[in-house]
N, C-alpha and C. Protein backbone atom coordinates (compact mmCIF):
# COMPACT_ATOMS: atom_id res chain seq x y z
N MET A 1 0.82 -1.19 0.01
CA MET A 1 0.03 0.07 0.00
C MET A 1 0.92 1.27 -0.01
N ARG A 2 0.61 2.14 -0.92
CA ARG A 2 1.31 3.42 -0.94
C ARG A 2 0.73 4.33 0.08
N LYS A 3 1.50 5.11 0.69
CA LYS A 3 1.12 5.95 1.88
C LYS A 3 1.10 7.48 1.53
N ILE A 4 0.00 8.10 1.90
CA ILE A 4 -0.20 9.53 1.82
C ILE A 4 -0.22 10.16 3.13
N GLY A 5 0.39 11.29 3.32
CA GLY A 5 0.32 12.11 4.54
C GLY A 5 -0.49 13.37 4.14
N VAL A 6 -1.43 13.73 4.95
CA VAL A 6 -2.31 14.89 4.69
C VAL A 6 -2.13 15.94 5.78
N LEU A 7 -1.82 17.20 5.43
CA LEU A 7 -1.74 18.28 6.33
C LEU A 7 -2.95 19.10 6.27
N ILE A 8 -3.53 19.39 7.47
CA ILE A 8 -4.84 20.16 7.64
C ILE A 8 -4.69 21.24 8.64
N SER A 9 -5.63 22.08 8.59
CA SER A 9 -5.82 23.10 9.74
C SER A 9 -7.27 23.24 10.14
N GLY A 10 -8.20 22.67 9.36
CA GLY A 10 -9.61 22.96 9.69
C GLY A 10 -10.52 21.74 9.46
N ARG A 11 -11.64 21.93 8.72
CA ARG A 11 -12.69 20.94 8.66
C ARG A 11 -12.29 19.64 8.05
N GLY A 12 -11.38 19.60 7.10
CA GLY A 12 -10.83 18.36 6.54
C GLY A 12 -11.81 17.72 5.49
N THR A 13 -12.58 18.55 4.82
CA THR A 13 -13.43 17.96 3.78
C THR A 13 -12.66 17.36 2.64
N ASN A 14 -11.48 17.95 2.16
CA ASN A 14 -10.75 17.33 1.19
C ASN A 14 -9.99 16.14 1.72
N LEU A 15 -9.63 16.15 3.00
CA LEU A 15 -9.13 14.96 3.60
C LEU A 15 -10.09 13.83 3.46
N GLN A 16 -11.40 14.09 3.81
CA GLN A 16 -12.39 13.05 3.77
C GLN A 16 -12.61 12.53 2.28
N ALA A 17 -12.50 13.42 1.31
CA ALA A 17 -12.60 13.01 -0.11
C ALA A 17 -11.49 12.10 -0.44
N ILE A 18 -10.19 12.33 0.08
CA ILE A 18 -9.13 11.43 -0.23
C ILE A 18 -9.27 10.11 0.50
N ILE A 19 -9.76 10.11 1.73
CA ILE A 19 -9.96 8.88 2.46
C ILE A 19 -10.99 8.06 1.74
N ASP A 20 -12.08 8.68 1.33
CA ASP A 20 -13.15 7.91 0.61
C ASP A 20 -12.64 7.40 -0.77
N ALA A 21 -11.81 8.08 -1.41
CA ALA A 21 -11.31 7.60 -2.70
C ALA A 21 -10.37 6.45 -2.55
N CYS A 22 -9.56 6.54 -1.41
CA CYS A 22 -8.73 5.35 -1.14
C CYS A 22 -9.51 4.13 -0.81
N ASN A 23 -10.59 4.40 0.07
CA ASN A 23 -11.36 3.20 0.47
C ASN A 23 -12.15 2.56 -0.64
N ASP A 24 -12.65 3.39 -1.65
CA ASP A 24 -13.49 2.78 -2.59
C ASP A 24 -12.74 2.42 -3.93
N GLY A 25 -11.43 2.55 -3.91
CA GLY A 25 -10.67 2.08 -5.05
C GLY A 25 -10.39 3.14 -6.08
N ARG A 26 -10.91 4.34 -6.00
CA ARG A 26 -10.69 5.32 -7.02
C ARG A 26 -9.20 5.69 -7.05
N ILE A 27 -8.50 5.64 -5.82
CA ILE A 27 -7.02 5.72 -5.73
C ILE A 27 -6.55 4.36 -5.27
N PRO A 28 -6.24 3.47 -6.23
CA PRO A 28 -6.02 2.06 -5.86
C PRO A 28 -4.78 1.85 -5.02
N ASP A 29 -4.82 0.88 -4.16
CA ASP A 29 -3.63 0.36 -3.37
C ASP A 29 -2.94 1.55 -2.63
N THR A 30 -3.70 2.39 -2.12
CA THR A 30 -3.21 3.56 -1.43
C THR A 30 -3.99 3.86 -0.11
N LYS A 31 -3.35 4.38 0.88
CA LYS A 31 -4.08 4.74 2.09
C LYS A 31 -3.53 5.99 2.66
N VAL A 32 -4.31 6.72 3.46
CA VAL A 32 -3.81 7.87 4.23
C VAL A 32 -3.14 7.27 5.52
N ALA A 33 -1.92 7.50 5.64
CA ALA A 33 -1.10 6.87 6.71
C ALA A 33 -0.98 7.82 7.87
N LEU A 34 -1.10 9.06 7.67
CA LEU A 34 -0.87 10.06 8.74
C LEU A 34 -1.60 11.40 8.42
N VAL A 35 -2.30 11.93 9.38
CA VAL A 35 -2.85 13.26 9.29
C VAL A 35 -2.15 14.20 10.30
N VAL A 36 -1.61 15.27 9.78
CA VAL A 36 -0.94 16.27 10.71
C VAL A 36 -1.71 17.57 10.73
N SER A 37 -1.87 18.16 11.84
CA SER A 37 -2.55 19.48 11.95
C SER A 37 -1.73 20.38 12.79
N ASP A 38 -1.70 21.62 12.52
CA ASP A 38 -1.18 22.70 13.36
C ASP A 38 -2.22 23.29 14.27
N ASN A 39 -3.47 22.69 14.21
CA ASN A 39 -4.65 23.23 15.02
C ASN A 39 -5.21 22.08 15.77
N PRO A 40 -5.15 22.00 17.10
CA PRO A 40 -5.64 20.87 17.84
C PRO A 40 -7.19 20.76 17.79
N GLY A 41 -7.84 21.88 17.37
CA GLY A 41 -9.27 21.84 17.34
C GLY A 41 -9.85 21.49 15.88
N ALA A 42 -8.90 21.19 15.00
CA ALA A 42 -9.39 20.94 13.65
C ALA A 42 -10.32 19.74 13.57
N TYR A 43 -11.45 19.86 12.93
CA TYR A 43 -12.37 18.81 12.84
C TYR A 43 -11.81 17.62 12.00
N GLY A 44 -10.91 17.97 11.13
CA GLY A 44 -10.26 16.93 10.32
C GLY A 44 -9.57 15.81 11.13
N LEU A 45 -9.20 16.20 12.35
CA LEU A 45 -8.54 15.19 13.27
C LEU A 45 -9.57 14.18 13.66
N GLU A 46 -10.84 14.64 13.84
CA GLU A 46 -11.93 13.74 14.18
C GLU A 46 -12.26 12.82 13.01
N ARG A 47 -12.22 13.39 11.79
CA ARG A 47 -12.44 12.55 10.58
C ARG A 47 -11.39 11.43 10.61
N ALA A 48 -10.14 11.82 10.81
CA ALA A 48 -9.06 10.79 10.82
C ALA A 48 -9.31 9.70 11.77
N LYS A 49 -9.67 10.16 13.03
CA LYS A 49 -9.90 9.28 14.09
C LYS A 49 -10.98 8.26 13.77
N GLN A 50 -12.01 8.75 13.17
CA GLN A 50 -13.15 7.89 12.82
C GLN A 50 -12.78 6.92 11.80
N ALA A 51 -11.74 7.24 10.93
CA ALA A 51 -11.28 6.29 9.92
C ALA A 51 -10.15 5.44 10.35
N GLY A 52 -9.76 5.59 11.62
CA GLY A 52 -8.63 4.77 12.11
C GLY A 52 -7.33 5.20 11.67
N ILE A 53 -7.14 6.46 11.31
CA ILE A 53 -5.88 6.97 10.76
C ILE A 53 -5.14 7.69 11.88
N PRO A 54 -3.82 7.37 12.09
CA PRO A 54 -3.01 8.06 13.07
C PRO A 54 -2.98 9.56 12.78
N THR A 55 -2.85 10.32 13.92
CA THR A 55 -2.83 11.77 13.74
C THR A 55 -1.63 12.36 14.55
N ARG A 56 -1.19 13.54 14.18
CA ARG A 56 -0.18 14.22 14.91
C ARG A 56 -0.57 15.62 14.97
N VAL A 57 -0.51 16.32 16.11
CA VAL A 57 -0.65 17.77 16.21
C VAL A 57 0.70 18.38 16.44
N VAL A 58 1.04 19.28 15.62
CA VAL A 58 2.40 19.97 15.75
C VAL A 58 2.05 21.47 15.84
N LEU A 59 2.39 22.06 16.99
CA LEU A 59 2.06 23.43 17.24
C LEU A 59 3.24 24.42 16.81
N ARG A 60 2.89 25.35 16.07
CA ARG A 60 3.94 26.35 15.62
C ARG A 60 4.58 26.99 16.76
N ASP A 61 3.85 27.36 17.85
CA ASP A 61 4.43 28.10 18.99
C ASP A 61 5.45 27.21 19.73
N ASP A 62 5.57 26.02 19.51
CA ASP A 62 6.49 25.07 20.22
C ASP A 62 7.81 25.17 19.55
N PHE A 63 8.02 25.87 18.48
CA PHE A 63 9.23 25.91 17.73
C PHE A 63 9.77 27.38 17.57
N GLU A 64 11.06 27.52 17.57
CA GLU A 64 11.68 28.86 17.48
C GLU A 64 11.65 29.42 16.07
N SER A 65 11.41 28.64 15.09
CA SER A 65 11.37 29.14 13.72
C SER A 65 10.41 28.34 12.87
N ARG A 66 10.08 28.92 11.71
CA ARG A 66 9.17 28.17 10.83
C ARG A 66 9.84 27.06 10.31
N LYS A 67 11.15 27.04 9.98
CA LYS A 67 11.88 25.95 9.51
C LYS A 67 11.84 24.70 10.48
N ALA A 68 12.05 25.09 11.80
CA ALA A 68 12.09 24.05 12.81
C ALA A 68 10.68 23.40 12.92
N PHE A 69 9.65 24.15 12.84
CA PHE A 69 8.32 23.64 12.83
C PHE A 69 8.07 22.64 11.58
N ASP A 70 8.49 23.17 10.47
CA ASP A 70 8.29 22.34 9.23
C ASP A 70 9.11 21.05 9.29
N MET A 71 10.32 21.05 9.82
CA MET A 71 11.18 19.90 9.94
C MET A 71 10.51 18.91 10.95
N ALA A 72 9.86 19.38 11.92
CA ALA A 72 9.16 18.52 12.88
C ALA A 72 7.97 17.75 12.16
N VAL A 73 7.27 18.56 11.37
CA VAL A 73 6.16 17.95 10.46
C VAL A 73 6.78 16.91 9.50
N ALA A 74 7.90 17.28 8.89
CA ALA A 74 8.51 16.41 7.90
C ALA A 74 8.97 15.12 8.48
N ASP A 75 9.53 15.24 9.74
CA ASP A 75 10.06 14.07 10.50
C ASP A 75 8.90 13.09 10.77
N ALA A 76 7.80 13.66 11.19
CA ALA A 76 6.59 12.85 11.45
C ALA A 76 6.14 12.11 10.21
N LEU A 77 6.19 12.81 9.07
CA LEU A 77 5.72 12.14 7.84
C LEU A 77 6.68 11.01 7.47
N ASP A 78 8.03 11.33 7.59
CA ASP A 78 9.04 10.34 7.15
C ASP A 78 9.03 9.14 8.08
N GLU A 79 8.79 9.37 9.32
CA GLU A 79 8.68 8.22 10.32
C GLU A 79 7.61 7.22 9.92
N THR A 80 6.54 7.78 9.25
CA THR A 80 5.35 6.98 8.86
C THR A 80 5.56 6.35 7.48
N GLY A 81 6.63 6.75 6.76
CA GLY A 81 6.95 6.15 5.48
C GLY A 81 6.04 6.85 4.36
N VAL A 82 5.66 7.99 4.56
CA VAL A 82 4.82 8.69 3.59
C VAL A 82 5.49 8.95 2.27
N GLU A 83 4.89 8.61 1.17
CA GLU A 83 5.42 8.83 -0.10
C GLU A 83 4.98 10.08 -0.86
N LEU A 84 3.75 10.58 -0.48
CA LEU A 84 3.18 11.78 -1.05
C LEU A 84 2.53 12.61 0.07
N VAL A 85 2.80 13.94 0.00
CA VAL A 85 2.25 14.86 0.99
C VAL A 85 1.14 15.65 0.29
N CYS A 86 -0.03 15.71 0.90
CA CYS A 86 -1.14 16.43 0.38
C CYS A 86 -1.55 17.58 1.32
N LEU A 87 -1.50 18.79 0.93
CA LEU A 87 -1.95 19.90 1.68
C LEU A 87 -3.47 20.08 1.44
N ALA A 88 -4.19 20.04 2.55
CA ALA A 88 -5.75 20.09 2.37
C ALA A 88 -6.21 21.11 3.37
N GLY A 89 -6.17 22.36 3.00
CA GLY A 89 -6.57 23.41 3.92
C GLY A 89 -5.59 23.60 5.02
N PHE A 90 -4.27 23.34 4.73
CA PHE A 90 -3.17 23.70 5.77
C PHE A 90 -2.82 25.09 5.60
N MET A 91 -3.12 25.95 6.65
CA MET A 91 -3.05 27.36 6.53
C MET A 91 -1.67 27.96 6.91
N ARG A 92 -0.65 27.32 6.41
CA ARG A 92 0.68 27.81 6.64
C ARG A 92 1.48 27.72 5.37
N ILE A 93 2.35 28.73 5.08
CA ILE A 93 3.29 28.70 4.00
C ILE A 93 4.45 27.89 4.44
N LEU A 94 4.83 26.91 3.67
CA LEU A 94 5.89 25.97 3.97
C LEU A 94 7.26 26.64 3.71
N SER A 95 8.25 26.21 4.46
CA SER A 95 9.56 26.80 4.28
C SER A 95 10.21 26.15 3.02
N LYS A 96 11.18 26.75 2.51
CA LYS A 96 11.93 26.24 1.33
C LYS A 96 12.53 24.92 1.61
N ALA A 97 13.03 24.70 2.89
CA ALA A 97 13.60 23.40 3.25
C ALA A 97 12.60 22.26 3.12
N PHE A 98 11.32 22.56 3.60
CA PHE A 98 10.24 21.50 3.48
C PHE A 98 9.97 21.20 2.00
N VAL A 99 9.82 22.26 1.25
CA VAL A 99 9.46 22.10 -0.21
C VAL A 99 10.55 21.33 -0.90
N ARG A 100 11.80 21.65 -0.67
CA ARG A 100 12.87 20.89 -1.31
C ARG A 100 12.90 19.44 -0.87
N ARG A 101 12.51 19.17 0.38
CA ARG A 101 12.61 17.82 0.84
C ARG A 101 11.56 16.96 0.13
N TYR A 102 10.48 17.58 -0.27
CA TYR A 102 9.37 16.84 -0.91
C TYR A 102 9.15 17.26 -2.35
N HIS A 103 10.13 17.68 -2.98
CA HIS A 103 10.11 18.16 -4.36
C HIS A 103 9.50 17.03 -5.24
N GLY A 104 8.44 17.38 -5.99
CA GLY A 104 7.75 16.44 -6.82
C GLY A 104 6.92 15.42 -6.10
N ARG A 105 6.79 15.60 -4.75
CA ARG A 105 6.03 14.70 -3.89
C ARG A 105 5.13 15.43 -2.96
N CYS A 106 4.74 16.58 -3.29
CA CYS A 106 3.87 17.43 -2.48
C CYS A 106 2.80 18.13 -3.33
N LEU A 107 1.54 17.96 -3.01
CA LEU A 107 0.41 18.50 -3.81
C LEU A 107 -0.30 19.50 -2.96
N ASN A 108 -0.96 20.46 -3.58
CA ASN A 108 -1.84 21.35 -3.02
C ASN A 108 -3.03 21.60 -3.81
N ILE A 109 -4.25 21.88 -3.20
CA ILE A 109 -5.42 22.22 -3.98
C ILE A 109 -5.81 23.67 -3.54
N HIS A 110 -6.20 24.48 -4.64
CA HIS A 110 -6.45 25.84 -4.42
C HIS A 110 -7.85 26.13 -4.99
N PRO A 111 -8.67 26.96 -4.27
CA PRO A 111 -10.09 27.16 -4.77
C PRO A 111 -10.20 28.35 -5.84
N ALA A 112 -9.37 28.28 -6.75
CA ALA A 112 -9.47 29.16 -7.97
C ALA A 112 -8.68 28.61 -9.09
N LEU A 113 -8.86 29.19 -10.28
CA LEU A 113 -8.12 28.75 -11.46
C LEU A 113 -6.85 29.49 -11.55
N LEU A 114 -5.85 28.88 -10.93
CA LEU A 114 -4.45 29.56 -11.01
C LEU A 114 -3.99 29.68 -12.42
N PRO A 115 -3.23 30.73 -12.70
CA PRO A 115 -2.59 31.64 -11.79
C PRO A 115 -3.44 32.81 -11.39
N SER A 116 -4.70 32.82 -11.71
CA SER A 116 -5.59 33.88 -11.23
C SER A 116 -5.90 33.59 -9.69
N PHE A 117 -5.97 34.59 -9.00
CA PHE A 117 -6.44 34.66 -7.56
C PHE A 117 -5.72 33.67 -6.64
N PRO A 118 -4.35 33.81 -6.56
CA PRO A 118 -3.68 32.99 -5.62
C PRO A 118 -3.84 33.55 -4.17
N GLY A 119 -3.30 32.82 -3.24
CA GLY A 119 -3.39 33.24 -1.82
C GLY A 119 -4.68 32.97 -1.16
N LEU A 120 -4.94 33.61 -0.05
CA LEU A 120 -6.19 33.35 0.74
C LEU A 120 -7.43 33.72 0.06
N ASP A 121 -8.50 33.03 0.26
CA ASP A 121 -9.84 33.38 -0.19
C ASP A 121 -9.97 33.51 -1.64
N GLY A 122 -9.42 32.51 -2.35
CA GLY A 122 -9.45 32.59 -3.89
C GLY A 122 -10.87 32.66 -4.35
N GLN A 123 -11.87 32.02 -3.74
CA GLN A 123 -13.26 32.08 -4.07
C GLN A 123 -13.75 33.53 -4.06
N LYS A 124 -13.43 34.27 -2.91
CA LYS A 124 -13.92 35.60 -2.78
C LYS A 124 -13.27 36.55 -3.70
N GLN A 125 -11.96 36.28 -3.94
CA GLN A 125 -11.21 37.11 -4.86
C GLN A 125 -11.87 37.05 -6.22
N ALA A 126 -12.22 35.88 -6.71
CA ALA A 126 -12.90 35.69 -7.99
C ALA A 126 -14.25 36.37 -7.99
N TRP A 127 -15.07 36.15 -6.99
CA TRP A 127 -16.32 36.77 -6.86
C TRP A 127 -16.29 38.29 -6.82
N ASP A 128 -15.36 38.82 -6.00
CA ASP A 128 -15.25 40.26 -5.96
C ASP A 128 -14.81 40.83 -7.31
N TYR A 129 -13.96 40.13 -8.01
CA TYR A 129 -13.48 40.63 -9.25
C TYR A 129 -14.58 40.66 -10.38
N GLY A 130 -15.60 39.76 -10.15
CA GLY A 130 -16.65 39.67 -11.13
C GLY A 130 -16.35 38.68 -12.24
N ALA A 131 -15.50 37.66 -11.86
CA ALA A 131 -15.13 36.63 -12.87
C ALA A 131 -16.42 35.81 -13.18
N LYS A 132 -16.51 35.38 -14.43
CA LYS A 132 -17.66 34.63 -14.87
C LYS A 132 -17.37 33.13 -14.75
N ILE A 133 -16.09 32.77 -14.67
CA ILE A 133 -15.70 31.37 -14.52
C ILE A 133 -14.62 31.33 -13.37
N SER A 134 -14.79 30.42 -12.39
CA SER A 134 -13.79 30.21 -11.40
C SER A 134 -13.54 28.67 -11.33
N GLY A 135 -13.13 28.19 -10.32
CA GLY A 135 -12.92 26.72 -10.19
C GLY A 135 -11.87 26.37 -9.14
N CYS A 136 -11.23 25.20 -9.42
CA CYS A 136 -10.17 24.81 -8.47
C CYS A 136 -8.98 24.27 -9.30
N THR A 137 -7.86 24.22 -8.62
CA THR A 137 -6.59 23.86 -9.18
C THR A 137 -5.81 22.89 -8.28
N VAL A 138 -5.34 21.76 -8.76
CA VAL A 138 -4.39 20.94 -8.00
C VAL A 138 -3.03 21.12 -8.65
N HIS A 139 -2.02 21.41 -7.83
CA HIS A 139 -0.68 21.69 -8.41
C HIS A 139 0.35 21.13 -7.45
N TYR A 140 1.48 20.88 -8.09
CA TYR A 140 2.65 20.52 -7.21
C TYR A 140 3.11 21.78 -6.46
N VAL A 141 3.63 21.59 -5.21
CA VAL A 141 4.04 22.70 -4.44
C VAL A 141 5.48 23.08 -4.76
N ASP A 142 5.72 24.38 -5.04
CA ASP A 142 7.08 24.85 -5.17
C ASP A 142 7.29 25.89 -4.12
N GLU A 143 8.42 26.71 -4.24
CA GLU A 143 8.77 27.68 -3.17
C GLU A 143 7.96 28.91 -3.20
N GLY A 144 7.09 29.10 -4.15
CA GLY A 144 6.23 30.26 -4.20
C GLY A 144 4.92 29.98 -3.52
N CYS A 145 4.06 31.02 -3.60
CA CYS A 145 2.69 30.85 -3.00
C CYS A 145 1.61 30.52 -4.19
N ASP A 146 1.28 29.32 -4.31
CA ASP A 146 0.33 28.85 -5.32
C ASP A 146 0.94 29.03 -6.72
N THR A 147 2.24 28.79 -6.76
CA THR A 147 2.83 29.05 -8.12
C THR A 147 3.36 27.74 -8.76
N GLY A 148 3.18 26.53 -8.05
CA GLY A 148 3.77 25.32 -8.53
C GLY A 148 3.13 24.80 -9.91
N PRO A 149 3.70 23.88 -10.49
CA PRO A 149 3.23 23.33 -11.85
C PRO A 149 1.86 22.72 -11.63
N ILE A 150 0.92 23.15 -12.49
CA ILE A 150 -0.52 22.79 -12.51
C ILE A 150 -0.76 21.35 -13.07
N ILE A 151 -1.46 20.54 -12.26
CA ILE A 151 -1.71 19.18 -12.63
C ILE A 151 -3.11 19.16 -13.36
N LEU A 152 -4.14 19.63 -12.71
CA LEU A 152 -5.34 19.66 -13.37
C LEU A 152 -6.22 20.80 -12.74
N GLN A 153 -7.29 21.20 -13.45
CA GLN A 153 -8.26 22.20 -13.02
C GLN A 153 -9.65 21.78 -13.35
N ARG A 154 -10.53 22.18 -12.56
CA ARG A 154 -11.98 22.00 -12.87
C ARG A 154 -12.70 23.33 -12.71
N PRO A 155 -13.37 23.72 -13.83
CA PRO A 155 -14.02 25.06 -13.88
C PRO A 155 -15.40 25.05 -13.16
N VAL A 156 -15.86 26.13 -12.77
CA VAL A 156 -17.21 26.37 -12.15
C VAL A 156 -17.65 27.66 -12.68
N ALA A 157 -18.91 27.70 -13.18
CA ALA A 157 -19.58 28.96 -13.64
C ALA A 157 -19.99 29.82 -12.43
N VAL A 158 -19.74 31.08 -12.52
CA VAL A 158 -20.21 32.05 -11.49
C VAL A 158 -21.51 32.51 -11.96
N ASP A 159 -22.56 31.94 -11.54
CA ASP A 159 -23.93 32.29 -11.97
C ASP A 159 -24.36 33.70 -11.47
N GLU A 160 -25.20 34.26 -12.34
CA GLU A 160 -25.79 35.62 -12.02
C GLU A 160 -26.53 35.47 -10.58
N GLY A 161 -26.28 36.41 -9.73
CA GLY A 161 -26.88 36.35 -8.41
C GLY A 161 -26.30 35.38 -7.41
N CYS A 162 -25.25 34.71 -7.89
CA CYS A 162 -24.58 33.74 -6.93
C CYS A 162 -23.86 34.47 -5.84
N THR A 163 -24.05 33.97 -4.57
CA THR A 163 -23.29 34.60 -3.48
C THR A 163 -21.97 33.95 -3.37
N VAL A 164 -21.10 34.62 -2.65
CA VAL A 164 -19.75 34.13 -2.51
C VAL A 164 -19.74 32.76 -1.85
N ASP A 165 -20.65 32.58 -0.85
CA ASP A 165 -20.75 31.29 -0.11
C ASP A 165 -21.27 30.16 -1.09
N GLU A 166 -22.19 30.55 -1.98
CA GLU A 166 -22.66 29.55 -2.94
C GLU A 166 -21.53 29.15 -3.90
N LEU A 167 -20.76 30.12 -4.34
CA LEU A 167 -19.68 29.90 -5.16
C LEU A 167 -18.62 29.01 -4.55
N ALA A 168 -18.30 29.29 -3.26
CA ALA A 168 -17.37 28.47 -2.50
C ALA A 168 -17.89 27.05 -2.38
N ALA A 169 -19.12 26.84 -2.18
CA ALA A 169 -19.69 25.49 -2.06
C ALA A 169 -19.55 24.75 -3.38
N LYS A 170 -19.82 25.40 -4.52
CA LYS A 170 -19.72 24.78 -5.80
C LYS A 170 -18.27 24.39 -6.15
N ILE A 171 -17.34 25.27 -5.79
CA ILE A 171 -15.95 24.96 -6.01
C ILE A 171 -15.52 23.80 -5.16
N LEU A 172 -15.91 23.74 -3.86
CA LEU A 172 -15.52 22.64 -2.99
C LEU A 172 -15.96 21.31 -3.51
N ARG A 173 -17.18 21.24 -4.15
CA ARG A 173 -17.62 19.95 -4.70
C ARG A 173 -16.64 19.52 -5.77
N GLU A 174 -16.16 20.47 -6.59
CA GLU A 174 -15.24 20.10 -7.66
C GLU A 174 -13.86 19.78 -7.06
N GLU A 175 -13.50 20.34 -6.00
CA GLU A 175 -12.20 20.01 -5.23
C GLU A 175 -12.18 18.50 -4.90
N HIS A 176 -13.45 18.01 -4.41
CA HIS A 176 -13.45 16.69 -3.87
C HIS A 176 -13.37 15.66 -5.06
N ILE A 177 -13.58 16.11 -6.29
CA ILE A 177 -13.39 15.30 -7.43
C ILE A 177 -11.89 15.37 -7.94
N ALA A 178 -11.40 16.60 -7.91
CA ALA A 178 -10.06 16.92 -8.58
C ALA A 178 -8.93 16.30 -7.78
N TYR A 179 -8.95 16.41 -6.43
CA TYR A 179 -7.82 15.98 -5.61
C TYR A 179 -7.62 14.51 -5.75
N PRO A 180 -8.60 13.67 -5.53
CA PRO A 180 -8.33 12.24 -5.75
C PRO A 180 -7.87 11.84 -7.06
N GLU A 181 -8.34 12.55 -8.16
CA GLU A 181 -7.95 12.31 -9.55
C GLU A 181 -6.43 12.60 -9.70
N ALA A 182 -6.04 13.73 -9.10
CA ALA A 182 -4.66 14.13 -9.27
C ALA A 182 -3.69 13.17 -8.52
N ILE A 183 -4.12 12.67 -7.38
CA ILE A 183 -3.32 11.73 -6.57
C ILE A 183 -3.22 10.46 -7.38
N LYS A 184 -4.34 10.00 -8.00
CA LYS A 184 -4.32 8.75 -8.77
C LYS A 184 -3.34 8.92 -9.97
N LEU A 185 -3.33 10.02 -10.59
CA LEU A 185 -2.43 10.30 -11.74
C LEU A 185 -0.93 10.30 -11.28
N HIS A 186 -0.66 10.92 -10.15
CA HIS A 186 0.63 10.92 -9.58
C HIS A 186 1.13 9.48 -9.30
N PHE A 187 0.39 8.71 -8.62
CA PHE A 187 0.83 7.41 -8.25
C PHE A 187 0.87 6.43 -9.45
N ALA A 188 0.15 6.72 -10.48
CA ALA A 188 0.16 5.91 -11.69
C ALA A 188 1.40 6.18 -12.49
N GLY A 189 2.09 7.22 -12.14
CA GLY A 189 3.31 7.62 -12.96
C GLY A 189 2.93 8.23 -14.20
N ARG A 190 1.78 8.91 -14.32
CA ARG A 190 1.35 9.53 -15.53
C ARG A 190 1.59 10.97 -15.60
N LEU A 191 2.27 11.62 -14.60
CA LEU A 191 2.52 13.03 -14.57
C LEU A 191 4.01 13.25 -14.79
N LYS A 192 4.31 14.12 -15.86
CA LYS A 192 5.63 14.48 -16.16
C LYS A 192 5.78 15.97 -15.98
N ILE A 193 6.71 16.40 -15.07
CA ILE A 193 6.99 17.71 -14.88
C ILE A 193 8.16 18.25 -15.79
N ASP A 194 7.82 19.23 -16.60
CA ASP A 194 8.81 19.80 -17.52
C ASP A 194 8.82 21.26 -17.28
N GLY A 195 9.72 21.77 -16.31
CA GLY A 195 9.69 23.15 -16.03
C GLY A 195 8.40 23.54 -15.26
N ARG A 196 7.60 24.41 -15.82
CA ARG A 196 6.36 24.82 -15.21
C ARG A 196 5.19 24.04 -15.73
N ARG A 197 5.48 23.15 -16.63
CA ARG A 197 4.31 22.46 -17.32
C ARG A 197 4.22 20.97 -16.85
N VAL A 198 3.01 20.54 -16.55
CA VAL A 198 2.85 19.13 -16.20
C VAL A 198 2.06 18.51 -17.36
N THR A 199 2.71 17.42 -17.94
CA THR A 199 2.05 16.69 -18.99
C THR A 199 1.46 15.36 -18.42
N VAL A 200 0.17 15.10 -18.78
CA VAL A 200 -0.41 13.84 -18.37
C VAL A 200 -0.25 12.77 -19.44
N LYS A 201 0.56 11.78 -19.08
CA LYS A 201 0.78 10.69 -20.08
C LYS A 201 -0.48 9.85 -20.30
N PRO A 202 -0.69 9.31 -21.46
CA PRO A 202 -1.84 8.48 -21.70
C PRO A 202 -1.69 7.15 -20.99
N GLU A 203 -2.80 6.51 -20.69
CA GLU A 203 -2.83 5.20 -19.99
C GLU A 203 -2.19 4.16 -20.91
C-alpha cells in the first residue's frame, strides 16, 4: 500500500474526499497513513480518528522558527513512510527546506483557477473581481505561493446572483473530485513535470 500524509488546519473535507477515494478504489492500493494538523481543534482530526488513521498535532508556537516547525512535520511524515504529501486546507506557507525535501512529492489544492487569484480566499477574490468562471486547481508545491506546476483544473460557472458562499460550495464539490484524480495520476506515474508544465501521459 502506498502511503499519503495529509496536512490540515480545519474541517478536513478534502481529507475526507481522499480517504473515501482510497477506500472505494478510485485511488487504488493507497491509504492515508498520517494526518498532521497545526490546530488541535481541527475537525479533520476527528475525521481521521473515525477512519482509524493516526494523527499528529504539531504546534507552531512550540518551535523557534518556521523551518524548525516544518522539519518536525517532515520528520513525522518520514517516520510513517509517507510517499506523497497532500496539503488540504493547511493554513501555513511551508519553508523552502520543506518544499525541497518533498520536491515532486507534495500537492496542494487551491479554490481558484491559478494563476488567477492566488493566496487566501481565492473564491472571494474571483467573486469580488466579477469573474464569470472560477474553479479549483491541483498543483505541485514549489517555493512560491500557489505558483507550482499545475496538474489539473476543474471550472465552475459563477452564476448571476450567486453569493460568495454559494460559489465556494460549488468549488468545494469540484475539489473533492479533482484532488483524488490528481493523486491517482501521480501514483500511476502519468505526470511528467517539465519546467512549469505538467504533462499527463496516456494510459
